[in-house]
C-alpha atoms as a PDB file:
ATOM      1  CA  MET A   1       4.198  19.963  -9.613  1.00  0.00           C
ATOM      2  CA  MET A   2       2.354  16.681 -10.055  1.00  0.00           C
ATOM      3  CA  GLY A   3       3.719  13.233 -10.531  1.00  0.00           C
ATOM      4  CA  VAL A   4       2.750   9.589 -10.713  1.00  0.00           C
ATOM      5  CA  PHE A   5       4.296   6.909  -8.597  1.00  0.00           C
ATOM      6  CA  THR A   6       3.877   3.150  -8.351  1.00  0.00           C
ATOM      7  CA  SER A   7       4.641   1.019  -5.353  1.00  0.00           C
ATOM      8  CA  GLU A   8       4.264  -2.694  -4.754  1.00  0.00           C
ATOM      9  CA  SER A   9       4.637  -4.698  -1.554  1.00  0.00           C
ATOM     10  CA  GLU A  10       3.300  -7.887  -0.044  1.00  0.00           C
ATOM     11  CA  HIS A  11       2.219  -8.352   3.577  1.00  0.00           C
ATOM     12  CA  VAL A  12       0.410 -11.033   5.558  1.00  0.00           C
ATOM     13  CA  SER A  13      -2.645  -9.722   7.426  1.00  0.00           C
ATOM     14  CA  PRO A  14      -5.292 -11.264   9.683  1.00  0.00           C
ATOM     15  CA  VAL A  15      -7.821  -8.933   7.974  1.00  0.00           C
ATOM     16  CA  SER A  16      -9.448 -10.163   4.758  1.00  0.00           C
ATOM     17  CA  ALA A  17      -8.344  -8.733   1.418  1.00  0.00           C
ATOM     18  CA  ALA A  18     -11.835  -7.309   0.830  1.00  0.00           C
ATOM     19  CA  LYS A  19     -11.800  -5.376   4.143  1.00  0.00           C
ATOM     20  CA  LEU A  20      -8.275  -4.062   3.497  1.00  0.00           C
ATOM     21  CA  PHE A  21      -9.221  -2.907  -0.006  1.00  0.00           C
ATOM     22  CA  LYS A  22     -12.322  -1.135   1.321  1.00  0.00           C
ATOM     23  CA  ALA A  23     -10.353   0.616   4.089  1.00  0.00           C
ATOM     24  CA  ILE A  24      -7.287   1.554   2.046  1.00  0.00           C
ATOM     25  CA  VAL A  25      -8.887   2.377  -1.309  1.00  0.00           C
ATOM     26  CA  LEU A  26     -12.594   3.088  -0.912  1.00  0.00           C
ATOM     27  CA  ASP A  27     -12.584   4.648   2.581  1.00  0.00           C
ATOM     28  CA  ALA A  28      -9.097   6.182   2.561  1.00  0.00           C
ATOM     29  CA  ALA A  29     -10.354   9.709   3.182  1.00  0.00           C
ATOM     30  CA  ASN A  30     -12.191   8.523   6.305  1.00  0.00           C
ATOM     31  CA  VAL A  31      -9.641   5.993   7.606  1.00  0.00           C
ATOM     32  CA  PHE A  32      -6.290   7.749   7.066  1.00  0.00           C
ATOM     33  CA  PRO A  33      -6.924  10.906   9.159  1.00  0.00           C
ATOM     34  CA  LYS A  34      -7.999   8.679  12.090  1.00  0.00           C
ATOM     35  CA  ALA A  35      -5.278   6.053  11.645  1.00  0.00           C
ATOM     36  CA  LEU A  36      -2.468   8.527  10.856  1.00  0.00           C
ATOM     37  CA  PRO A  37      -3.353  11.804  12.648  1.00  0.00           C
ATOM     38  CA  ASN A  38       0.280  12.968  12.646  1.00  0.00           C
ATOM     39  CA  PHE A  39       0.519  12.419   8.884  1.00  0.00           C
ATOM     40  CA  ILE A  40      -2.926  13.300   7.443  1.00  0.00           C
ATOM     41  CA  LYS A  41      -4.381  16.596   8.695  1.00  0.00           C
ATOM     42  CA  SER A  42      -7.762  16.487   6.976  1.00  0.00           C
ATOM     43  CA  ALA A  43      -9.820  14.956   4.192  1.00  0.00           C
ATOM     44  CA  GLU A  44     -12.630  16.491   2.191  1.00  0.00           C
ATOM     45  CA  THR A  45     -14.756  15.588  -0.809  1.00  0.00           C
ATOM     46  CA  ILE A  46     -14.216  18.036  -3.658  1.00  0.00           C
ATOM     47  CA  GLN A  47     -16.659  16.476  -6.101  1.00  0.00           C
ATOM     48  CA  GLY A  48     -19.080  13.542  -6.127  1.00  0.00           C
ATOM     49  CA  ASP A  49     -20.907  11.342  -3.665  1.00  0.00           C
ATOM     50  CA  GLY A  50     -18.366   8.555  -3.127  1.00  0.00           C
ATOM     51  CA  GLY A  51     -19.122   6.705  -6.347  1.00  0.00           C
ATOM     52  CA  PRO A  52     -17.153   6.655  -9.605  1.00  0.00           C
ATOM     53  CA  GLY A  53     -15.738  10.069 -10.506  1.00  0.00           C
ATOM     54  CA  THR A  54     -15.565  11.231  -6.878  1.00  0.00           C
ATOM     55  CA  ILE A  55     -12.568  13.415  -6.060  1.00  0.00           C
ATOM     56  CA  LYS A  56     -11.299  13.708  -2.478  1.00  0.00           C
ATOM     57  CA  LYS A  57      -8.474  15.864  -1.136  1.00  0.00           C
ATOM     58  CA  LEU A  58      -6.169  14.672   1.668  1.00  0.00           C
ATOM     59  CA  THR A  59      -4.061  17.405   3.289  1.00  0.00           C
ATOM     60  CA  LEU A  60      -0.844  16.276   4.943  1.00  0.00           C
ATOM     61  CA  ALA A  61      -0.176  17.426   8.516  1.00  0.00           C
ATOM     62  CA  GLN A  62       3.297  18.814   7.772  1.00  0.00           C
ATOM     63  CA  GLY A  63       3.628  21.624   5.259  1.00  0.00           C
ATOM     64  CA  LYS A  64       1.167  22.500   2.521  1.00  0.00           C
ATOM     65  CA  HIS A  65       1.221  19.254   0.540  1.00  0.00           C
ATOM     66  CA  GLN A  66      -2.027  17.747  -0.701  1.00  0.00           C
ATOM     67  CA  LEU A  67      -2.977  14.388  -2.159  1.00  0.00           C
ATOM     68  CA  ILE A  68      -5.936  14.263  -4.542  1.00  0.00           C
ATOM     69  CA  ILE A  69      -7.708  10.913  -4.892  1.00  0.00           C
ATOM     70  CA  ARG A  70     -10.084  10.322  -7.805  1.00  0.00           C
ATOM     71  CA  LYS A  71     -12.291   7.234  -8.036  1.00  0.00           C
ATOM     72  CA  ASN A  72     -12.667   5.859 -11.555  1.00  0.00           C
END
């Protein structure tokens, strides 16, 4: 089963908005497994080279749930 969710929050950070965006959005497959090893088991590129149209799969550590991220 697939679904779409939207979340919005606001936080103050000593890190610039550009660095946060790069880490959270563009480098999520590299950052999340290192930052959240108990939550994200692995990350792999399914299609693409990191540019637009790239699809990456994040596998959660608990259970068999997967999160697919596609860059547009």
